[in-house]
Amino acid sequence: MPTVTVKILRGRSREKLRDTMAGITDVVCTRLNYDPKHVSVYIEEVDHDAFMEAGQTGAEMIEKFGVIEKYQGN
């Protein structure tokens, strides 16, 4: 019974999160031959101030640059 956990910065719509979970489920089922009823997918949303890269929190990057460039996909 595969369990997949994805950590993502907070701010995506419920629809995008659901589509992402459905896509992950499809990949696991297709590539590993599982029935969808046996696949669990969790998305953990992380606040921008609870994430740090290169010594700056996500909130600090947004304040400085207006966006976290490599994470700006909505």
N, C-alpha and C. Protein backbone atom coordinates (compact mmCIF):
# COMPACT_ATOMS: atom_id res chain seq x y z
N MET A 1 0.84 -1.18 0.00
CA MET A 1 0.00 0.00 0.00
C MET A 1 0.89 1.24 0.00
N PRO A 2 1.16 1.81 -1.17
CA PRO A 2 2.03 2.99 -1.25
C PRO A 2 1.40 4.23 -0.60
N THR A 3 2.24 4.96 0.09
CA THR A 3 1.85 6.25 0.66
C THR A 3 2.85 7.28 0.16
N VAL A 4 2.34 8.35 -0.45
CA VAL A 4 3.19 9.40 -1.00
C VAL A 4 2.88 10.69 -0.24
N THR A 5 3.92 11.37 0.24
CA THR A 5 3.75 12.65 0.92
C THR A 5 4.51 13.72 0.14
N VAL A 6 3.81 14.82 -0.14
CA VAL A 6 4.39 15.94 -0.87
C VAL A 6 4.35 17.17 0.03
N LYS A 7 5.48 17.84 0.18
CA LYS A 7 5.51 19.11 0.92
C LYS A 7 5.51 20.22 -0.10
N ILE A 8 4.64 21.20 0.09
CA ILE A 8 4.49 22.27 -0.88
C ILE A 8 4.21 23.57 -0.13
N LEU A 9 4.69 24.66 -0.67
CA LEU A 9 4.41 25.95 -0.04
C LEU A 9 2.92 26.26 -0.13
N ARG A 10 2.39 26.77 0.94
CA ARG A 10 0.97 27.11 1.04
C ARG A 10 0.60 28.12 -0.04
N GLY A 11 -0.63 28.01 -0.54
CA GLY A 11 -1.12 29.02 -1.47
C GLY A 11 -1.77 28.47 -2.73
N ARG A 12 -1.70 27.17 -2.95
CA ARG A 12 -2.34 26.60 -4.13
C ARG A 12 -3.82 26.40 -3.86
N SER A 13 -4.61 26.45 -4.91
CA SER A 13 -6.06 26.25 -4.77
C SER A 13 -6.36 24.79 -4.43
N ARG A 14 -7.49 24.57 -3.83
CA ARG A 14 -7.92 23.20 -3.51
C ARG A 14 -7.99 22.35 -4.79
N GLU A 15 -8.43 22.98 -5.88
CA GLU A 15 -8.53 22.28 -7.16
C GLU A 15 -7.15 21.81 -7.63
N LYS A 16 -6.15 22.70 -7.54
CA LYS A 16 -4.79 22.33 -7.95
C LYS A 16 -4.24 21.21 -7.07
N LEU A 17 -4.49 21.29 -5.77
CA LEU A 17 -4.01 20.24 -4.86
C LEU A 17 -4.68 18.91 -5.19
N ARG A 18 -5.98 18.94 -5.44
CA ARG A 18 -6.71 17.71 -5.77
C ARG A 18 -6.19 17.12 -7.08
N ASP A 19 -6.00 17.98 -8.10
CA ASP A 19 -5.46 17.51 -9.38
C ASP A 19 -4.08 16.90 -9.21
N THR A 20 -3.26 17.51 -8.36
CA THR A 20 -1.92 16.99 -8.10
C THR A 20 -2.00 15.61 -7.46
N MET A 21 -2.85 15.47 -6.45
CA MET A 21 -2.99 14.18 -5.78
C MET A 21 -3.51 13.11 -6.74
N ALA A 22 -4.47 13.49 -7.60
CA ALA A 22 -5.01 12.55 -8.58
C ALA A 22 -3.92 12.13 -9.57
N GLY A 23 -3.10 13.08 -10.01
CA GLY A 23 -2.01 12.76 -10.93
C GLY A 23 -0.99 11.83 -10.30
N ILE A 24 -0.65 12.09 -9.05
CA ILE A 24 0.31 11.22 -8.35
C ILE A 24 -0.27 9.82 -8.20
N THR A 25 -1.54 9.74 -7.85
CA THR A 25 -2.20 8.44 -7.74
C THR A 25 -2.14 7.70 -9.06
N ASP A 26 -2.43 8.39 -10.16
CA ASP A 26 -2.38 7.77 -11.49
C ASP A 26 -1.00 7.21 -11.81
N VAL A 27 0.04 8.00 -11.51
CA VAL A 27 1.41 7.55 -11.79
C VAL A 27 1.75 6.32 -10.97
N VAL A 28 1.44 6.34 -9.69
CA VAL A 28 1.74 5.19 -8.83
C VAL A 28 1.01 3.95 -9.33
N CYS A 29 -0.25 4.11 -9.69
CA CYS A 29 -1.03 2.96 -10.16
C CYS A 29 -0.49 2.42 -11.48
N THR A 30 -0.15 3.33 -12.39
CA THR A 30 0.34 2.92 -13.71
C THR A 30 1.73 2.29 -13.62
N ARG A 31 2.63 2.96 -12.91
CA ARG A 31 4.03 2.49 -12.88
C ARG A 31 4.25 1.30 -11.96
N LEU A 32 3.46 1.21 -10.89
CA LEU A 32 3.69 0.15 -9.90
C LEU A 32 2.57 -0.89 -9.85
N ASN A 33 1.59 -0.76 -10.74
CA ASN A 33 0.48 -1.72 -10.83
C ASN A 33 -0.33 -1.86 -9.54
N TYR A 34 -0.71 -0.73 -8.97
CA TYR A 34 -1.57 -0.74 -7.80
C TYR A 34 -2.97 -0.30 -8.18
N ASP A 35 -3.93 -0.80 -7.45
CA ASP A 35 -5.31 -0.32 -7.56
C ASP A 35 -5.40 1.00 -6.79
N PRO A 36 -6.08 2.01 -7.35
CA PRO A 36 -6.16 3.32 -6.66
C PRO A 36 -6.67 3.23 -5.22
N LYS A 37 -7.48 2.24 -4.92
CA LYS A 37 -8.01 2.14 -3.55
C LYS A 37 -6.93 1.79 -2.54
N HIS A 38 -5.74 1.41 -3.02
CA HIS A 38 -4.63 1.07 -2.12
C HIS A 38 -3.55 2.14 -2.06
N VAL A 39 -3.77 3.28 -2.71
CA VAL A 39 -2.77 4.35 -2.77
C VAL A 39 -3.24 5.53 -1.92
N SER A 40 -2.36 6.02 -1.06
CA SER A 40 -2.65 7.20 -0.24
C SER A 40 -1.69 8.31 -0.64
N VAL A 41 -2.23 9.53 -0.80
CA VAL A 41 -1.41 10.69 -1.12
C VAL A 41 -1.75 11.79 -0.12
N TYR A 42 -0.72 12.36 0.48
CA TYR A 42 -0.88 13.45 1.43
C TYR A 42 -0.12 14.66 0.92
N ILE A 43 -0.72 15.82 1.04
CA ILE A 43 -0.01 17.06 0.75
C ILE A 43 0.10 17.84 2.05
N GLU A 44 1.32 18.14 2.42
CA GLU A 44 1.58 18.96 3.60
C GLU A 44 1.91 20.36 3.11
N GLU A 45 1.05 21.31 3.43
CA GLU A 45 1.30 22.69 3.04
C GLU A 45 2.15 23.37 4.10
N VAL A 46 3.20 24.05 3.65
CA VAL A 46 4.16 24.69 4.53
C VAL A 46 4.01 26.20 4.41
N ASP A 47 3.94 26.88 5.53
CA ASP A 47 3.90 28.34 5.52
C ASP A 47 5.23 28.88 5.03
N HIS A 48 5.18 30.05 4.40
CA HIS A 48 6.39 30.65 3.84
C HIS A 48 7.44 30.96 4.91
N ASP A 49 7.02 31.18 6.14
CA ASP A 49 8.00 31.46 7.19
C ASP A 49 8.47 30.19 7.90
N ALA A 50 8.00 29.02 7.43
CA ALA A 50 8.42 27.74 8.01
C ALA A 50 9.30 26.97 7.04
N PHE A 51 9.90 27.69 6.11
CA PHE A 51 10.74 27.10 5.06
C PHE A 51 11.96 28.00 4.90
N MET A 52 13.14 27.39 4.79
CA MET A 52 14.35 28.19 4.63
C MET A 52 15.22 27.56 3.56
N GLU A 53 15.80 28.42 2.75
CA GLU A 53 16.77 27.98 1.75
C GLU A 53 17.83 29.07 1.63
N ALA A 54 19.07 28.66 1.57
CA ALA A 54 20.19 29.60 1.45
C ALA A 54 20.16 30.67 2.55
N GLY A 55 19.72 30.28 3.74
CA GLY A 55 19.76 31.19 4.88
C GLY A 55 18.63 32.20 4.95
N GLN A 56 17.64 32.09 4.05
CA GLN A 56 16.50 33.00 4.08
C GLN A 56 15.20 32.20 4.12
N THR A 57 14.25 32.69 4.92
CA THR A 57 12.94 32.04 4.92
C THR A 57 12.21 32.40 3.63
N GLY A 58 11.20 31.62 3.30
CA GLY A 58 10.38 31.93 2.14
C GLY A 58 9.77 33.30 2.25
N ALA A 59 9.32 33.65 3.46
CA ALA A 59 8.72 34.98 3.68
C ALA A 59 9.73 36.08 3.40
N GLU A 60 11.00 35.88 3.81
CA GLU A 60 12.04 36.88 3.55
C GLU A 60 12.33 37.00 2.06
N MET A 61 12.32 35.88 1.35
CA MET A 61 12.53 35.92 -0.09
C MET A 61 11.42 36.69 -0.79
N ILE A 62 10.20 36.45 -0.36
CA ILE A 62 9.06 37.16 -0.96
C ILE A 62 9.18 38.65 -0.67
N GLU A 63 9.55 38.98 0.56
CA GLU A 63 9.70 40.39 0.93
C GLU A 63 10.79 41.06 0.09
N LYS A 64 11.89 40.35 -0.13
CA LYS A 64 13.02 40.91 -0.85
C LYS A 64 12.81 40.94 -2.37
N PHE A 65 12.26 39.85 -2.91
CA PHE A 65 12.17 39.71 -4.37
C PHE A 65 10.74 39.80 -4.91
N GLY A 66 9.75 39.75 -4.03
CA GLY A 66 8.36 39.79 -4.46
C GLY A 66 7.79 38.42 -4.75
N VAL A 67 8.66 37.44 -4.91
CA VAL A 67 8.21 36.07 -5.19
C VAL A 67 9.40 35.15 -4.95
N ILE A 68 9.11 33.91 -4.66
CA ILE A 68 10.17 32.91 -4.60
C ILE A 68 10.23 32.35 -6.02
N GLU A 69 11.19 32.83 -6.80
CA GLU A 69 11.20 32.61 -8.25
C GLU A 69 11.03 31.15 -8.64
N LYS A 70 11.75 30.26 -8.04
CA LYS A 70 11.66 28.88 -8.52
C LYS A 70 10.39 28.17 -8.04
N TYR A 71 9.62 28.83 -7.18
CA TYR A 71 8.39 28.23 -6.68
C TYR A 71 7.15 29.01 -7.12
N GLN A 72 7.26 29.84 -8.12
CA GLN A 72 6.15 30.70 -8.45
C GLN A 72 5.05 30.04 -9.26
N GLY A 73 5.22 28.81 -9.70
CA GLY A 73 4.15 28.12 -10.42
C GLY A 73 2.90 28.01 -9.57
N ASN A 74 1.77 28.37 -10.11
CA ASN A 74 0.52 28.31 -9.35
C ASN A 74 -0.26 27.12 -9.82
